[in-house]
Amino acid sequence: MSQITTVQTAPIQGQKPGTSGLRKKTAVFMGRHYLENFVQSVFDVVGCQGKTFVLGGDGRYFNDRAAQVILRMAAANGAVRMIVGQGAILSTPAASHLIRLNRTDGGIIMSASHNPGGPDEDFGVKFNMPNGGPAPEAVTEAMYRRTLELAEYRMLEAQDVDLSRPGRHRLGGMVVDVVDPVADYAALMEGLFDFAAIRALFASGFRMRMDSMCAVTGPYAVEILENRLGAARGTVVNATPLPDFGGMHPDPNPTWARALMEEMFTAGAPDFGAASDGDGDRNMVVGRGIYVSPSDSLAVLAANAHLAPGYAGGLKGVARSMPTSAAVDRVAAALGIPAYETPTGWKFFGNLLDAGKATICGEESFGTGSDHVREKDGLWAVLMWLNMLAARGQTVAAILRDHWQRFGRNYYSRHDFEAIEPARAEALMAALRAALPGLPGRGVEGLAIAEADDFAYTDPVDGSLSERQGVRVMFRDGSRIVYRLSGTGTEGATLRVYLERYAPGPGGLDLDPQEALAPVIRAAHRLAGIAAHTGRENPDVVT
């Protein structure tokens, strides 16, 4: 007979969620009371009695044990039902879909997204709201405040639930439904895209390489691309999710998906390449001999979304995070639809999607999605590209060239300076903010500064204000620099420097981005004193 135990505890410092939940080293989460304190704080804020939640994660180390703890705590706090992915596995977009499909009261996702996994690497927990999207700042702030006053948590003393196969179980007074993690998501994709056209594309000899980076997207990609769309067996590589992601850093960018990049630039390269991240919400797209930046991908998908059945009626609007290039804004202007600029963090898109103001959203950090869920969705973006390639009958390179000829090209890059001593990073940002009033009218590296500010966002739906979202320096020729400290790391601080320069065409559209951006890069270093503040001359990652 199971029973509920009240465990005495004390507040643990530092349990403040970032842009996508609470992320720390795995060993921290495995420490005494750490996971339990945070989960109890979540349940205390959102309420648990009589409610239904979704639970799943990306399969990283500690995912299985954390799931059992969360289930026993949910039962102890009065939840009536938990819908759990088989093996405690769910991609983040699939979890969002299950929340919406089953009209649950929200869900808990165990993931540190694109961060490495393993005993010495990262773990994370976040709560998604009943709309399927990440909890907004007001809710995560309430969770954080609760962690600072917590004195006890509730736990059901019971045996582990068998999560190895679909089925229904009882845990105290709570029902646990273990479901196929892929089936409902795959059905959703089949309703959005022209699977018949994509099948015909593969049948014609079209070749693809999908690198799932030993992370959660593997089973989804195999089922959809190989089983349902007829891509050749072996199209999906690194398809088995592993607790340590096979030692890989599951972040789909040219640095960490190097093997895919190298293959796509060989003489015998496939026609199309893609990669996804730890929890399945990010994507990288590569054509034969050409890399597609996330900002360009967002713009191209918005311009061609009408080719997919799920978007044939057109877009209500588009939204991008502030650091993302303005390329999609030019598409929106041509389509006569609104374009919204939000702070970084997918939760800011939720209100726009729920209010019907936007249909497609994207971030420069390899995240793209639409109103089909309330998370970014890596496999969705890959399928949108495949739908477009099938409908247009062109190569990736040809589609990009056509796009730039029509809209001009926003040369764009992000330079990351990782694991900086936090005090040094904060000093750099403080100095930049102090210098803002004196920047307009100045010249640097041959560029004239038109405006400079610290981005603030007033939500057009609920009126909430988000301040200090990143320092922006805008030049008269349309070039731009943005400086931000990342909220997704677990060690030190990461300075992200976003660089953009617009070329209207018809000439000057085929330069190497780093070459085109050279004066903007030099200006970024001079204005922020990056070397003086951080001791770094060069970034750790360039995307």
Protein backbone atom coordinates (compact mmCIF):
# COMPACT_ATOMS: atom_id res chain seq x y z
CA MET A 1 0.00 0.00 0.00
CA SER A 2 1.56 3.29 -1.09
CA GLN A 3 1.50 6.30 1.19
CA ILE A 4 2.25 9.99 0.94
CA THR A 5 5.23 11.30 2.89
CA THR A 6 5.90 14.94 3.72
CA VAL A 7 9.65 15.54 3.52
CA GLN A 8 11.21 18.43 5.43
CA THR A 9 13.57 20.55 3.33
CA ALA A 10 15.04 24.04 3.12
CA PRO A 11 15.36 26.56 0.28
CA ILE A 12 18.16 25.94 -2.21
CA GLN A 13 19.75 29.01 -3.72
CA GLY A 14 20.02 29.50 -7.49
CA GLN A 15 16.87 27.71 -8.66
CA LYS A 16 15.91 30.56 -10.99
CA PRO A 17 14.59 29.41 -14.38
CA GLY A 18 16.13 30.97 -17.48
CA THR A 19 14.63 31.42 -20.93
CA SER A 20 13.71 27.71 -21.08
CA GLY A 21 13.43 26.42 -17.53
CA LEU A 22 15.99 25.55 -14.89
CA ARG A 23 19.29 24.19 -16.21
CA LYS A 24 22.23 23.04 -14.13
CA LYS A 25 24.89 20.37 -14.14
CA THR A 26 23.38 16.89 -13.82
CA ALA A 27 25.17 16.31 -10.53
CA VAL A 28 23.44 19.39 -9.11
CA PHE A 29 20.01 18.04 -10.04
CA MET A 30 20.96 14.69 -8.51
CA GLY A 31 21.88 16.36 -5.22
CA ARG A 32 19.80 15.95 -2.08
CA HIS A 33 16.36 17.63 -2.41
CA TYR A 34 17.38 19.64 -5.50
CA LEU A 35 15.00 18.20 -8.09
CA GLU A 36 12.28 17.68 -5.50
CA ASN A 37 12.42 21.28 -4.26
CA PHE A 38 12.05 22.70 -7.75
CA VAL A 39 9.26 20.32 -8.77
CA GLN A 40 7.31 21.06 -5.57
CA SER A 41 7.70 24.77 -6.26
CA VAL A 42 6.30 24.24 -9.76
CA PHE A 43 3.30 22.32 -8.42
CA ASP A 44 2.72 24.89 -5.66
CA VAL A 45 2.57 27.71 -8.22
CA VAL A 46 0.52 26.07 -11.00
CA GLY A 47 -1.61 23.86 -8.75
CA CYS A 48 -1.78 20.09 -8.97
CA GLN A 49 -4.97 18.88 -7.30
CA GLY A 50 -7.30 17.24 -9.83
CA LYS A 51 -5.11 18.16 -12.80
CA THR A 52 -3.65 16.33 -15.79
CA PHE A 53 -0.11 16.87 -17.06
CA VAL A 54 2.19 15.62 -19.81
CA LEU A 55 5.67 14.38 -18.88
CA GLY A 56 8.63 13.55 -21.09
CA GLY A 57 12.21 14.39 -21.84
CA ASP A 58 15.03 14.10 -24.32
CA GLY A 59 16.48 10.90 -22.85
CA ARG A 60 19.62 12.46 -21.45
CA TYR A 61 21.36 11.02 -18.38
CA PHE A 62 19.08 11.11 -15.28
CA ASN A 63 15.96 11.49 -17.48
CA ASP A 64 14.60 8.08 -16.39
CA ARG A 65 15.15 8.56 -12.67
CA ALA A 66 13.87 12.14 -12.66
CA ALA A 67 10.67 10.97 -14.39
CA GLN A 68 9.91 8.52 -11.58
CA VAL A 69 10.46 11.23 -8.94
CA ILE A 70 8.18 13.67 -10.79
CA LEU A 71 5.46 11.03 -11.18
CA ARG A 72 5.48 10.18 -7.47
CA MET A 73 5.41 13.87 -6.55
CA ALA A 74 2.53 14.54 -8.96
CA ALA A 75 0.54 11.71 -7.36
CA ALA A 76 1.35 13.00 -3.88
CA ASN A 77 0.19 16.49 -4.82
CA GLY A 78 -3.17 15.31 -6.12
CA ALA A 79 -2.79 15.06 -9.90
CA VAL A 80 -5.37 12.71 -11.42
CA ARG A 81 -3.54 11.78 -14.61
CA MET A 82 -0.10 11.93 -16.20
CA ILE A 83 0.50 11.29 -19.90
CA VAL A 84 4.09 10.06 -20.27
CA GLY A 85 6.10 9.30 -23.37
CA GLN A 86 7.29 5.70 -23.60
CA GLY A 87 10.64 5.43 -21.80
CA ALA A 88 9.97 8.94 -20.42
CA ILE A 89 10.89 10.20 -23.91
CA LEU A 90 9.19 13.08 -25.75
CA SER A 91 10.67 15.68 -28.05
CA THR A 92 9.82 19.18 -26.86
CA PRO A 93 7.51 19.92 -29.83
CA ALA A 94 5.82 16.52 -29.41
CA ALA A 95 5.23 17.31 -25.72
CA SER A 96 3.71 20.65 -26.70
CA HIS A 97 1.43 18.87 -29.16
CA LEU A 98 0.30 16.30 -26.56
CA ILE A 99 -0.54 19.10 -24.11
CA ARG A 100 -2.70 20.79 -26.75
CA LEU A 101 -4.18 17.60 -28.22
CA ASN A 102 -5.28 16.27 -24.81
CA ARG A 103 -6.16 19.71 -23.42
CA THR A 104 -4.11 19.05 -20.32
CA ASP A 105 -3.22 21.52 -17.59
CA GLY A 106 0.35 21.76 -18.85
CA GLY A 107 3.41 19.58 -18.87
CA ILE A 108 6.89 19.05 -17.48
CA ILE A 109 9.75 18.64 -19.95
CA MET A 110 13.09 17.24 -18.80
CA SER A 111 15.75 18.68 -21.05
CA ALA A 112 18.68 21.02 -21.32
CA SER A 113 17.92 21.34 -25.05
CA HIS A 114 21.11 21.65 -27.11
CA ASN A 115 23.48 21.35 -24.13
CA PRO A 116 25.59 18.17 -23.76
CA GLY A 117 24.29 15.31 -21.61
CA GLY A 118 25.90 12.83 -19.23
CA PRO A 119 26.89 12.49 -15.56
CA ASP A 120 29.26 15.46 -15.84
CA GLU A 121 27.16 17.49 -18.26
CA ASP A 122 23.76 19.21 -18.15
CA PHE A 123 20.17 18.55 -17.13
CA GLY A 124 17.08 20.73 -17.08
CA VAL A 125 13.40 20.92 -16.13
CA LYS A 126 10.80 23.32 -17.43
CA PHE A 127 7.06 23.72 -17.17
CA ASN A 128 4.86 24.30 -20.22
CA MET A 129 1.47 25.94 -19.89
CA PRO A 130 -1.93 24.58 -21.05
CA ASN A 131 -1.38 26.27 -24.43
CA GLY A 132 1.69 24.03 -24.89
CA GLY A 133 4.20 26.84 -24.59
CA PRO A 134 6.90 27.59 -22.00
CA ALA A 135 5.75 29.28 -18.82
CA PRO A 136 5.89 33.09 -19.12
CA GLU A 137 8.18 35.20 -16.98
CA ALA A 138 5.51 36.00 -14.38
CA VAL A 139 5.00 32.28 -13.75
CA THR A 140 8.69 31.32 -13.69
CA GLU A 141 9.37 34.23 -11.36
CA ALA A 142 6.66 32.95 -9.01
CA MET A 143 8.28 29.50 -9.12
CA TYR A 144 11.63 31.01 -8.23
CA ARG A 145 10.14 32.96 -5.32
CA ARG A 146 8.55 29.75 -4.07
CA THR A 147 11.93 27.96 -4.09
CA LEU A 148 13.23 30.61 -1.69
CA GLU A 149 10.61 29.84 0.95
CA LEU A 150 9.98 26.12 0.53
CA ALA A 151 10.01 24.11 3.78
CA GLU A 152 8.66 20.72 2.64
CA TYR A 153 7.69 18.62 -0.35
CA ARG A 154 5.30 15.72 -0.82
CA MET A 155 6.30 12.32 -2.15
CA LEU A 156 4.33 9.13 -2.77
CA GLU A 157 6.23 6.10 -1.52
CA ALA A 158 5.72 3.55 -4.30
CA GLN A 159 7.46 1.30 -6.80
CA ASP A 160 8.60 2.66 -10.16
CA VAL A 161 6.03 2.79 -12.94
CA ASP A 162 6.84 0.61 -15.95
CA LEU A 163 7.44 3.17 -18.69
CA SER A 164 8.98 0.69 -21.13
CA ARG A 165 5.82 0.11 -23.21
CA PRO A 166 2.50 1.88 -23.83
CA GLY A 167 -0.23 1.13 -21.33
CA ARG A 168 -2.22 2.40 -18.34
CA HIS A 169 -1.01 2.18 -14.75
CA ARG A 170 -2.15 3.37 -11.32
CA LEU A 171 0.15 5.29 -9.03
CA GLY A 172 -1.69 5.93 -5.78
CA GLY A 173 -4.83 7.77 -6.84
CA MET A 174 -3.34 8.89 -10.16
CA VAL A 175 -3.61 7.32 -13.62
CA VAL A 176 -0.37 7.10 -15.63
CA ASP A 177 -0.88 6.67 -19.37
CA VAL A 178 2.31 5.66 -21.19
CA VAL A 179 1.97 6.58 -24.87
CA ASP A 180 3.90 6.11 -28.10
CA PRO A 181 6.01 9.30 -28.22
CA VAL A 182 6.02 9.51 -32.03
CA ALA A 183 2.55 8.56 -33.31
CA ASP A 184 0.50 11.68 -32.54
CA TYR A 185 3.28 14.01 -33.67
CA ALA A 186 3.75 12.14 -36.96
CA ALA A 187 0.00 12.36 -37.62
CA LEU A 188 0.14 16.12 -37.05
CA MET A 189 2.96 16.50 -39.58
CA GLU A 190 1.08 14.43 -42.15
CA GLY A 191 -1.81 16.87 -41.88
CA LEU A 192 0.40 19.92 -42.48
CA PHE A 193 2.56 18.82 -45.40
CA ASP A 194 2.10 17.23 -48.81
CA PHE A 195 3.47 13.80 -47.97
CA ALA A 196 2.57 12.47 -51.43
CA ALA A 197 4.70 15.12 -53.13
CA ILE A 198 7.60 14.51 -50.76
CA ARG A 199 7.34 10.74 -51.32
CA ALA A 200 7.52 11.39 -55.07
CA LEU A 201 10.59 13.58 -54.51
CA PHE A 202 12.42 10.76 -52.72
CA ALA A 203 11.22 8.22 -55.31
CA SER A 204 12.80 10.36 -58.04
CA GLY A 205 16.26 9.75 -56.57
CA PHE A 206 16.46 12.77 -54.27
CA ARG A 207 18.97 12.06 -51.50
CA MET A 208 19.06 13.44 -47.98
CA ARG A 209 21.15 13.16 -44.84
CA MET A 210 19.47 13.81 -41.47
CA ASP A 211 21.79 13.92 -38.45
CA SER A 212 19.79 13.40 -35.26
CA MET A 213 22.97 13.74 -33.17
CA CYS A 214 22.18 10.69 -30.97
CA ALA A 215 19.32 12.73 -29.53
CA VAL A 216 15.56 12.60 -29.26
CA THR A 217 14.65 13.37 -32.89
CA GLY A 218 16.05 10.06 -34.14
CA PRO A 219 12.90 7.93 -33.73
CA TYR A 220 10.71 10.74 -35.09
CA ALA A 221 12.92 11.25 -38.15
CA VAL A 222 13.15 7.52 -38.91
CA GLU A 223 9.39 7.06 -38.67
CA ILE A 224 8.51 10.10 -40.78
CA LEU A 225 11.37 10.35 -43.29
CA GLU A 226 12.18 6.69 -43.86
CA ASN A 227 8.98 4.82 -42.95
CA ARG A 228 6.30 7.26 -44.14
CA LEU A 229 8.07 9.29 -46.83
CA GLY A 230 10.22 6.58 -48.37
CA ALA A 231 13.67 8.08 -47.84
CA ALA A 232 16.37 5.43 -48.16
CA ARG A 233 17.23 3.39 -45.10
CA GLY A 234 20.15 5.04 -43.37
CA THR A 235 19.07 8.55 -44.40
CA VAL A 236 18.82 9.32 -40.67
CA VAL A 237 22.22 8.96 -39.00
CA ASN A 238 22.95 8.99 -35.26
CA ALA A 239 19.32 7.98 -34.93
CA THR A 240 19.42 6.21 -31.54
CA PRO A 241 18.98 8.56 -28.56
CA LEU A 242 21.74 7.99 -25.99
CA PRO A 243 22.02 9.33 -22.40
CA ASP A 244 25.26 11.14 -23.27
CA PHE A 245 24.31 11.81 -26.91
CA GLY A 246 27.18 9.54 -27.89
CA GLY A 247 29.62 12.13 -26.56
CA MET A 248 28.31 14.63 -29.10
CA HIS A 249 27.35 18.22 -28.40
CA PRO A 250 23.76 18.04 -29.72
CA ASP A 251 23.62 21.60 -31.04
CA PRO A 252 22.86 21.70 -34.79
CA ASN A 253 25.22 24.36 -36.05
CA PRO A 254 28.22 24.28 -38.38
CA THR A 255 30.62 23.86 -35.45
CA TRP A 256 29.00 20.90 -33.71
CA ALA A 257 27.42 19.27 -36.77
CA ARG A 258 30.77 19.33 -38.54
CA ALA A 259 30.50 15.84 -40.05
CA LEU A 260 27.26 16.78 -41.80
CA MET A 261 28.72 20.06 -43.02
CA GLU A 262 31.78 18.33 -44.45
CA GLU A 263 29.65 15.73 -46.22
CA MET A 264 27.39 18.39 -47.77
CA PHE A 265 30.39 20.12 -49.33
CA THR A 266 31.85 17.03 -51.03
CA ALA A 267 31.48 16.17 -54.72
CA GLY A 268 29.03 13.36 -54.02
CA ALA A 269 26.99 15.21 -51.43
CA PRO A 270 23.28 14.46 -50.95
CA ASP A 271 20.77 16.99 -52.27
CA PHE A 272 19.70 18.10 -48.82
CA GLY A 273 21.08 17.93 -45.30
CA ALA A 274 19.59 18.67 -41.90
CA ALA A 275 20.32 18.22 -38.20
CA SER A 276 18.36 18.54 -35.00
CA ASP A 277 19.31 19.06 -31.36
CA GLY A 278 18.98 17.33 -27.99
CA ASP A 279 15.25 17.82 -27.47
CA GLY A 280 14.19 18.20 -31.10
CA ASP A 281 13.25 21.86 -31.18
CA ARG A 282 16.18 23.22 -33.22
CA ASN A 283 17.25 22.62 -36.79
CA MET A 284 20.09 23.26 -39.21
CA VAL A 285 19.52 23.15 -42.96
CA VAL A 286 22.23 22.67 -45.59
CA GLY A 287 22.02 22.28 -49.35
CA ARG A 288 24.62 20.64 -51.53
CA GLY A 289 27.54 23.06 -51.30
CA ILE A 290 25.56 25.79 -49.48
CA TYR A 291 24.76 26.51 -45.84
CA VAL A 292 21.41 28.10 -44.96
CA SER A 293 21.58 30.49 -42.01
CA PRO A 294 18.64 30.23 -39.59
CA SER A 295 17.63 33.82 -40.37
CA ASP A 296 17.57 33.09 -44.10
CA SER A 297 15.71 29.83 -43.47
CA LEU A 298 12.97 31.66 -41.59
CA ALA A 299 12.60 34.20 -44.38
CA VAL A 300 12.56 31.59 -47.15
CA LEU A 301 10.01 29.43 -45.32
CA ALA A 302 7.75 32.43 -44.74
CA ALA A 303 7.93 33.35 -48.45
CA ASN A 304 7.06 29.79 -49.50
CA ALA A 305 4.77 28.57 -46.72
CA HIS A 306 1.73 28.71 -49.01
CA LEU A 307 3.14 25.70 -50.90
CA ALA A 308 2.37 23.45 -47.90
CA PRO A 309 -1.29 22.40 -47.46
CA GLY A 310 -1.37 23.47 -43.81
CA TYR A 311 -0.49 27.05 -44.79
CA ALA A 312 -2.17 27.34 -48.18
CA GLY A 313 -4.48 30.06 -46.85
CA GLY A 314 -1.53 32.37 -46.18
CA LEU A 315 0.12 33.68 -43.02
CA LYS A 316 -1.48 35.95 -40.43
CA GLY A 317 1.87 37.43 -39.52
CA VAL A 318 5.47 36.53 -38.73
CA ALA A 319 7.57 37.02 -35.62
CA ARG A 320 11.28 36.89 -34.92
CA SER A 321 13.47 37.35 -31.89
CA MET A 322 15.21 40.70 -31.77
CA PRO A 323 18.72 39.31 -32.51
CA THR A 324 17.43 37.46 -35.59
CA SER A 325 18.11 39.22 -38.88
CA ALA A 326 15.47 41.43 -40.48
CA ALA A 327 15.29 39.21 -43.59
CA VAL A 328 11.82 37.91 -42.67
CA ASP A 329 10.59 41.49 -42.16
CA ARG A 330 11.17 42.11 -45.86
CA VAL A 331 9.07 39.06 -46.74
CA ALA A 332 6.29 40.23 -44.43
CA ALA A 333 6.30 43.65 -46.08
CA ALA A 334 5.96 42.06 -49.53
CA LEU A 335 3.12 39.83 -48.30
CA GLY A 336 1.37 42.75 -46.59
CA ILE A 337 1.34 41.04 -43.18
CA PRO A 338 2.61 42.18 -39.75
CA ALA A 339 6.14 41.41 -38.56
CA TYR A 340 6.83 41.33 -34.82
CA GLU A 341 10.18 41.71 -33.06
CA THR A 342 10.30 40.05 -29.62
CA PRO A 343 12.90 39.31 -26.95
CA THR A 344 14.79 36.02 -27.14
CA GLY A 345 12.84 33.05 -25.76
CA TRP A 346 10.06 31.10 -27.45
CA LYS A 347 7.63 31.99 -24.67
CA PHE A 348 7.38 35.51 -26.13
CA PHE A 349 5.85 34.10 -29.33
CA GLY A 350 3.10 32.30 -27.42
CA ASN A 351 0.81 35.29 -26.98
CA LEU A 352 1.15 36.26 -30.66
CA LEU A 353 0.32 32.71 -31.77
CA ASP A 354 -2.59 32.32 -29.35
CA ALA A 355 -4.03 35.68 -30.42
CA GLY A 356 -3.82 34.76 -34.10
CA LYS A 357 -1.38 37.59 -34.84
CA ALA A 358 1.43 35.36 -36.17
CA THR A 359 1.63 32.02 -37.96
CA ILE A 360 5.39 31.44 -38.35
CA CYS A 361 8.08 32.39 -35.84
CA GLY A 362 11.83 32.02 -35.69
CA GLU A 363 15.04 32.67 -33.83
CA GLU A 364 18.59 32.98 -35.12
CA SER A 365 19.57 30.24 -32.67
CA PHE A 366 18.37 27.55 -35.09
CA GLY A 367 14.75 27.59 -33.93
CA THR A 368 11.78 27.80 -36.30
CA GLY A 369 8.13 26.89 -35.87
CA SER A 370 4.51 27.79 -36.42
CA ASP A 371 1.15 27.86 -34.73
CA HIS A 372 0.83 24.04 -34.92
CA VAL A 373 2.46 23.87 -31.45
CA ARG A 374 3.82 26.43 -29.00
CA GLU A 375 7.48 25.47 -29.25
CA LYS A 376 10.05 25.71 -31.97
CA ASP A 377 10.13 22.49 -33.97
CA GLY A 378 13.22 21.15 -35.72
CA LEU A 379 11.57 18.37 -37.72
CA TRP A 380 8.71 20.65 -38.75
CA ALA A 381 11.25 23.02 -40.35
CA VAL A 382 12.94 20.13 -42.18
CA LEU A 383 9.57 18.96 -43.54
CA MET A 384 8.67 22.49 -44.60
CA TRP A 385 11.90 22.63 -46.60
CA LEU A 386 11.20 19.23 -48.16
CA ASN A 387 7.68 20.35 -49.09
CA MET A 388 9.12 23.48 -50.71
CA LEU A 389 11.81 21.53 -52.59
CA ALA A 390 9.19 19.10 -53.88
CA ALA A 391 6.81 21.87 -54.98
CA ARG A 392 9.43 24.10 -56.63
CA GLY A 393 11.61 21.43 -58.20
CA GLN A 394 14.76 23.46 -57.50
CA THR A 395 17.90 22.94 -55.47
CA VAL A 396 18.47 24.64 -52.13
CA ALA A 397 21.06 26.90 -53.74
CA ALA A 398 18.68 27.96 -56.52
CA ILE A 399 15.92 28.75 -54.03
CA LEU A 400 18.28 30.91 -51.97
CA ARG A 401 19.56 32.77 -55.04
CA ASP A 402 16.02 33.50 -56.18
CA HIS A 403 15.10 34.72 -52.72
CA TRP A 404 18.08 37.10 -52.48
CA GLN A 405 17.43 38.49 -55.96
CA ARG A 406 13.89 39.33 -54.93
CA PHE A 407 14.41 40.57 -51.36
CA GLY A 408 18.12 41.38 -51.08
CA ARG A 409 20.44 39.59 -48.69
CA ASN A 410 20.89 40.16 -44.97
CA TYR A 411 24.44 38.92 -44.35
CA TYR A 412 24.35 37.61 -40.82
CA SER A 413 26.50 35.84 -38.24
CA ARG A 414 26.63 35.20 -34.51
CA HIS A 415 29.90 35.12 -32.57
CA ASP A 416 29.81 33.36 -29.18
CA PHE A 417 32.37 33.95 -26.45
CA GLU A 418 31.72 31.11 -24.00
CA ALA A 419 32.42 30.42 -20.31
CA ILE A 420 33.41 34.00 -19.51
CA GLU A 421 33.78 34.89 -15.85
CA PRO A 422 30.30 36.30 -15.07
CA ALA A 423 31.64 39.46 -13.42
CA ARG A 424 33.67 40.29 -16.53
CA ALA A 425 30.70 39.68 -18.82
CA GLU A 426 28.43 41.85 -16.68
CA ALA A 427 31.05 44.62 -16.63
CA LEU A 428 31.20 44.58 -20.45
CA MET A 429 27.41 44.91 -20.71
CA ALA A 430 27.31 47.63 -18.05
CA ALA A 431 29.94 49.66 -19.90
CA LEU A 432 28.01 49.29 -23.15
CA ARG A 433 24.78 50.44 -21.53
CA ALA A 434 26.52 53.44 -19.99
CA ALA A 435 27.91 54.43 -23.41
CA LEU A 436 24.56 54.25 -25.25
CA PRO A 437 23.58 57.95 -25.02
CA GLY A 438 26.81 59.04 -26.69
CA LEU A 439 26.83 56.54 -29.57
CA PRO A 440 24.37 58.03 -32.12
CA GLY A 441 26.25 60.20 -34.60
CA ARG A 442 29.59 58.53 -33.98
CA GLY A 443 31.54 56.75 -36.69
CA VAL A 444 33.39 53.46 -36.24
CA GLU A 445 35.20 51.38 -38.88
CA GLY A 446 33.67 53.56 -41.60
CA LEU A 447 30.13 52.99 -40.32
CA ALA A 448 27.92 55.79 -39.04
CA ILE A 449 25.85 54.98 -35.94
CA ALA A 450 22.22 56.04 -36.35
CA GLU A 451 20.69 54.65 -33.15
CA ALA A 452 21.68 52.70 -30.05
CA ASP A 453 19.48 51.33 -27.28
CA ASP A 454 18.80 48.55 -24.77
CA PHE A 455 15.90 46.66 -26.34
CA ALA A 456 12.60 46.71 -24.47
CA TYR A 457 9.42 44.93 -25.56
CA THR A 458 5.81 45.69 -24.76
CA ASP A 459 3.67 42.64 -25.51
CA PRO A 460 0.92 43.70 -27.96
CA VAL A 461 -1.48 41.15 -26.45
CA ASP A 462 -1.19 41.49 -22.67
CA GLY A 463 0.75 44.76 -22.37
CA SER A 464 3.56 43.24 -20.29
CA LEU A 465 6.94 44.97 -20.47
CA SER A 466 10.30 43.17 -20.83
CA GLU A 467 13.35 45.41 -20.46
CA ARG A 468 17.13 45.07 -20.82
CA GLN A 469 16.81 42.43 -23.54
CA GLY A 470 20.02 43.24 -25.39
CA VAL A 471 22.09 46.21 -26.49
CA ARG A 472 21.50 47.25 -30.10
CA VAL A 473 23.72 49.45 -32.27
CA MET A 474 22.10 50.39 -35.59
CA PHE A 475 24.04 51.97 -38.46
CA ARG A 476 22.76 54.27 -41.18
CA ASP A 477 23.39 51.72 -43.95
CA GLY A 478 21.11 49.15 -42.28
CA SER A 479 23.94 47.25 -40.60
CA ARG A 480 23.42 46.24 -36.99
CA ILE A 481 25.20 44.83 -33.93
CA VAL A 482 23.43 43.23 -30.97
CA TYR A 483 25.09 42.19 -27.70
CA ARG A 484 23.45 39.76 -25.26
CA LEU A 485 24.39 37.46 -22.43
CA SER A 486 22.88 34.03 -22.97
CA GLY A 487 20.43 32.51 -20.51
CA THR A 488 20.82 28.89 -21.68
CA GLY A 489 24.26 27.90 -20.40
CA THR A 490 25.13 26.20 -17.13
CA GLU A 491 28.73 27.32 -16.64
CA GLY A 492 30.08 30.86 -16.69
CA ALA A 493 28.55 33.45 -19.01
CA THR A 494 28.25 33.39 -22.78
CA LEU A 495 28.49 36.68 -24.65
CA ARG A 496 26.62 36.52 -27.94
CA VAL A 497 27.43 39.14 -30.57
CA TYR A 498 25.00 39.28 -33.51
CA LEU A 499 26.20 40.92 -36.72
CA GLU A 500 24.12 41.98 -39.70
CA ARG A 501 24.69 43.86 -42.96
CA TYR A 502 22.12 44.32 -45.73
CA ALA A 503 22.95 44.06 -49.45
CA PRO A 504 20.00 45.17 -51.62
CA GLY A 505 21.32 43.53 -54.80
CA PRO A 506 21.37 42.78 -57.62
CA GLY A 507 25.15 42.72 -57.12
CA GLY A 508 27.09 41.76 -54.00
CA LEU A 509 24.85 38.83 -53.07
CA ASP A 510 27.39 36.00 -53.24
CA LEU A 511 30.08 37.02 -50.73
CA ASP A 512 31.27 34.91 -47.82
CA PRO A 513 29.30 36.21 -44.80
CA GLN A 514 32.38 36.76 -42.64
CA GLU A 515 33.96 38.77 -45.47
CA ALA A 516 30.84 40.84 -46.01
CA LEU A 517 30.56 41.47 -42.28
CA ALA A 518 34.24 42.30 -41.67
CA PRO A 519 33.78 46.02 -40.88
CA VAL A 520 30.80 45.26 -38.64
CA ILE A 521 32.85 42.63 -36.77
CA ARG A 522 35.69 45.09 -36.20
CA ALA A 523 33.21 47.73 -35.02
CA ALA A 524 31.64 45.25 -32.60
CA HIS A 525 35.00 44.53 -30.97
CA ARG A 526 35.95 48.20 -30.72
CA LEU A 527 32.64 49.42 -29.33
CA ALA A 528 32.43 46.75 -26.62
CA GLY A 529 36.12 46.39 -25.81
CA ILE A 530 35.68 42.64 -25.99
CA ALA A 531 39.38 41.79 -25.66
CA ALA A 532 39.90 44.19 -22.75
CA HIS A 533 36.90 42.89 -20.82
CA THR A 534 37.15 39.17 -21.56
CA GLY A 535 40.74 38.54 -22.63
CA ARG A 536 39.36 36.98 -25.83
CA GLU A 537 40.32 38.06 -29.33
CA ASN A 538 38.30 35.40 -31.14
CA PRO A 539 34.91 33.75 -30.55
CA ASP A 540 34.57 30.13 -29.49
CA VAL A 541 31.71 29.46 -31.91
CA VAL A 542 30.80 31.22 -35.17
CA THR A 543 27.42 30.56 -36.76
